């Protein structure tokens, strides 16, 4: 009976260690996703900053074209 009690204690200890390991791996995965999202946000901000003026110029050209077309028709 004593051997069985020791075996159960050993199994519980191993199960606790496996549980700790799994929690640590989940935390690592969460941190990796957080870093990935942060990098994507920085890239998106850089792209918007770089392309923003060109898009503004494009909308201005479209607005001017629409204004000319409606002014010529009306």
C-alpha atoms as a PDB file:
ATOM      1  CA  UNK A   1       0.000   0.000   0.000  1.00  0.00           C
ATOM      2  CA  UNK A   2       2.885   2.323   0.788  1.00  0.00           C
ATOM      3  CA  UNK A   3       4.348   1.785  -2.676  1.00  0.00           C
ATOM      4  CA  UNK A   4       1.001   2.717  -4.200  1.00  0.00           C
ATOM      5  CA  UNK A   5       0.867   5.916  -2.149  1.00  0.00           C
ATOM      6  CA  UNK A   6       4.398   6.844  -3.265  1.00  0.00           C
ATOM      7  CA  UNK A   7       3.491   6.124  -6.891  1.00  0.00           C
ATOM      8  CA  UNK A   8       0.376   8.301  -6.665  1.00  0.00           C
ATOM      9  CA  UNK A   9       2.439  11.087  -5.091  1.00  0.00           C
ATOM     10  CA  UNK A  10       5.004  10.818  -7.874  1.00  0.00           C
ATOM     11  CA  UNK A  11       2.307  10.930 -10.558  1.00  0.00           C
ATOM     12  CA  UNK A  12       0.732  14.002  -8.952  1.00  0.00           C
ATOM     13  CA  UNK A  13       4.112  15.738  -8.850  1.00  0.00           C
ATOM     14  CA  UNK A  14       4.744  14.960 -12.503  1.00  0.00           C
ATOM     15  CA  UNK A  15       1.256  16.139 -13.467  1.00  0.00           C
ATOM     16  CA  UNK A  16       1.843  19.425 -11.637  1.00  0.00           C
ATOM     17  CA  UNK A  17       5.144  19.916 -13.458  1.00  0.00           C
ATOM     18  CA  UNK A  18       3.508  19.222 -16.823  1.00  0.00           C
ATOM     19  CA  UNK A  19       0.749  21.714 -15.983  1.00  0.00           C
ATOM     20  CA  UNK A  20       3.337  24.361 -15.121  1.00  0.00           C
ATOM     21  CA  UNK A  21       5.179  23.692 -18.366  1.00  0.00           C
ATOM     22  CA  UNK A  22       1.996  24.006 -20.412  1.00  0.00           C
ATOM     23  CA  UNK A  23       1.108  27.339 -18.760  1.00  0.00           C
ATOM     24  CA  UNK A  24       4.601  28.670 -19.483  1.00  0.00           C
ATOM     25  CA  UNK A  25       4.314  27.631 -23.156  1.00  0.00           C
ATOM     26  CA  UNK A  26       0.918  29.346 -23.461  1.00  0.00           C
ATOM     27  CA  UNK A  27       2.371  32.510 -21.975  1.00  0.00           C
ATOM     28  CA  UNK A  28       5.237  32.356 -24.437  1.00  0.00           C
ATOM     29  CA  UNK A  29       2.809  31.930 -27.349  1.00  0.00           C
ATOM     30  CA  UNK A  30       0.742  34.861 -26.117  1.00  0.00           C
ATOM     31  CA  UNK A  31       3.843  37.027 -25.882  1.00  0.00           C
ATOM     32  CA  UNK A  32       4.883  36.045 -29.420  1.00  0.00           C
ATOM     33  CA  UNK A  33       1.473  37.083 -30.750  1.00  0.00           C
ATOM     34  CA  UNK A  34       1.668  40.385 -28.848  1.00  0.00           C
ATOM     35  CA  UNK A  35       5.060  41.132 -30.384  1.00  0.00           C
ATOM     36  CA  UNK A  36       3.764  40.200 -33.838  1.00  0.00           C
ATOM     37  CA  UNK A  37       0.763  42.517 -33.468  1.00  0.00           C
ATOM     38  CA  UNK A  38       3.026  45.351 -32.273  1.00  0.00           C
ATOM     39  CA  UNK A  39       5.291  44.932 -35.301  1.00  0.00           C
ATOM     40  CA  UNK A  40       2.291  44.906 -37.646  1.00  0.00           C
ATOM     41  CA  UNK A  41       0.955  48.104 -36.062  1.00  0.00           C
ATOM     42  CA  UNK A  42       4.309  49.831 -36.543  1.00  0.00           C
ATOM     43  CA  UNK A  43       4.445  48.700 -40.191  1.00  0.00           C
ATOM     44  CA  UNK A  44       0.863  49.877 -40.789  1.00  0.00           C
ATOM     45  CA  UNK A  45       1.591  53.289 -39.285  1.00  0.00           C
ATOM     46  CA  UNK A  46       4.736  53.632 -41.384  1.00  0.00           C
ATOM     47  CA  UNK A  47       2.851  52.653 -44.556  1.00  0.00           C
ATOM     48  CA  UNK A  48      -0.007  55.061 -43.863  1.00  0.00           C
ATOM     49  CA  UNK A  49       2.466  57.863 -43.145  1.00  0.00           C
ATOM     50  CA  UNK A  50       4.360  57.167 -46.369  1.00  0.00           C
ATOM     51  CA  UNK A  51       1.326  56.731 -48.630  1.00  0.00           C
ATOM     52  CA  UNK A  52      -1.022  59.234 -46.957  1.00  0.00           C
ATOM     53  CA  UNK A  53      -0.014  62.318 -48.962  1.00  0.00           C
ATOM     54  CA  UNK A  54      -0.338  60.440 -52.268  1.00  0.00           C
ATOM     55  CA  UNK A  55      -3.846  59.296 -51.355  1.00  0.00           C
ATOM     56  CA  UNK A  56      -4.763  62.856 -50.376  1.00  0.00           C
ATOM     57  CA  UNK A  57      -3.518  64.117 -53.753  1.00  0.00           C
ATOM     58  CA  UNK A  58      -5.494  61.385 -55.522  1.00  0.00           C
ATOM     59  CA  UNK A  59      -8.738  62.370 -53.736  1.00  0.00           C
ATOM     60  CA  UNK A  60      -8.106  66.018 -54.568  1.00  0.00           C
ATOM     61  CA  UNK A  61      -7.674  65.127 -58.239  1.00  0.00           C
ATOM     62  CA  UNK A  62     -10.896  63.093 -58.163  1.00  0.00           C
ATOM     63  CA  UNK A  63     -12.742  65.948 -56.487  1.00  0.00           C
ATOM     64  CA  UNK A  64     -11.444  68.421 -59.078  1.00  0.00           C
ATOM     65  CA  UNK A  65     -12.461  66.082 -61.896  1.00  0.00           C
ATOM     66  CA  UNK A  66     -15.970  65.644 -60.506  1.00  0.00           C
ATOM     67  CA  UNK A  67     -16.320  69.389 -59.957  1.00  0.00           C
ATOM     68  CA  UNK A  68     -15.237  70.125 -63.546  1.00  0.00           C
ATOM     69  CA  UNK A  69     -17.544  67.448 -64.960  1.00  0.00           C
ATOM     70  CA  UNK A  70     -20.586  68.620 -63.027  1.00  0.00           C
ATOM     71  CA  UNK A  71     -19.785  72.259 -63.774  1.00  0.00           C
ATOM     72  CA  UNK A  72     -19.478  71.540 -67.505  1.00  0.00           C
ATOM     73  CA  UNK A  73     -22.785  69.621 -67.615  1.00  0.00           C
ATOM     74  CA  UNK A  74     -24.850  71.956 -65.412  1.00  0.00           C
END
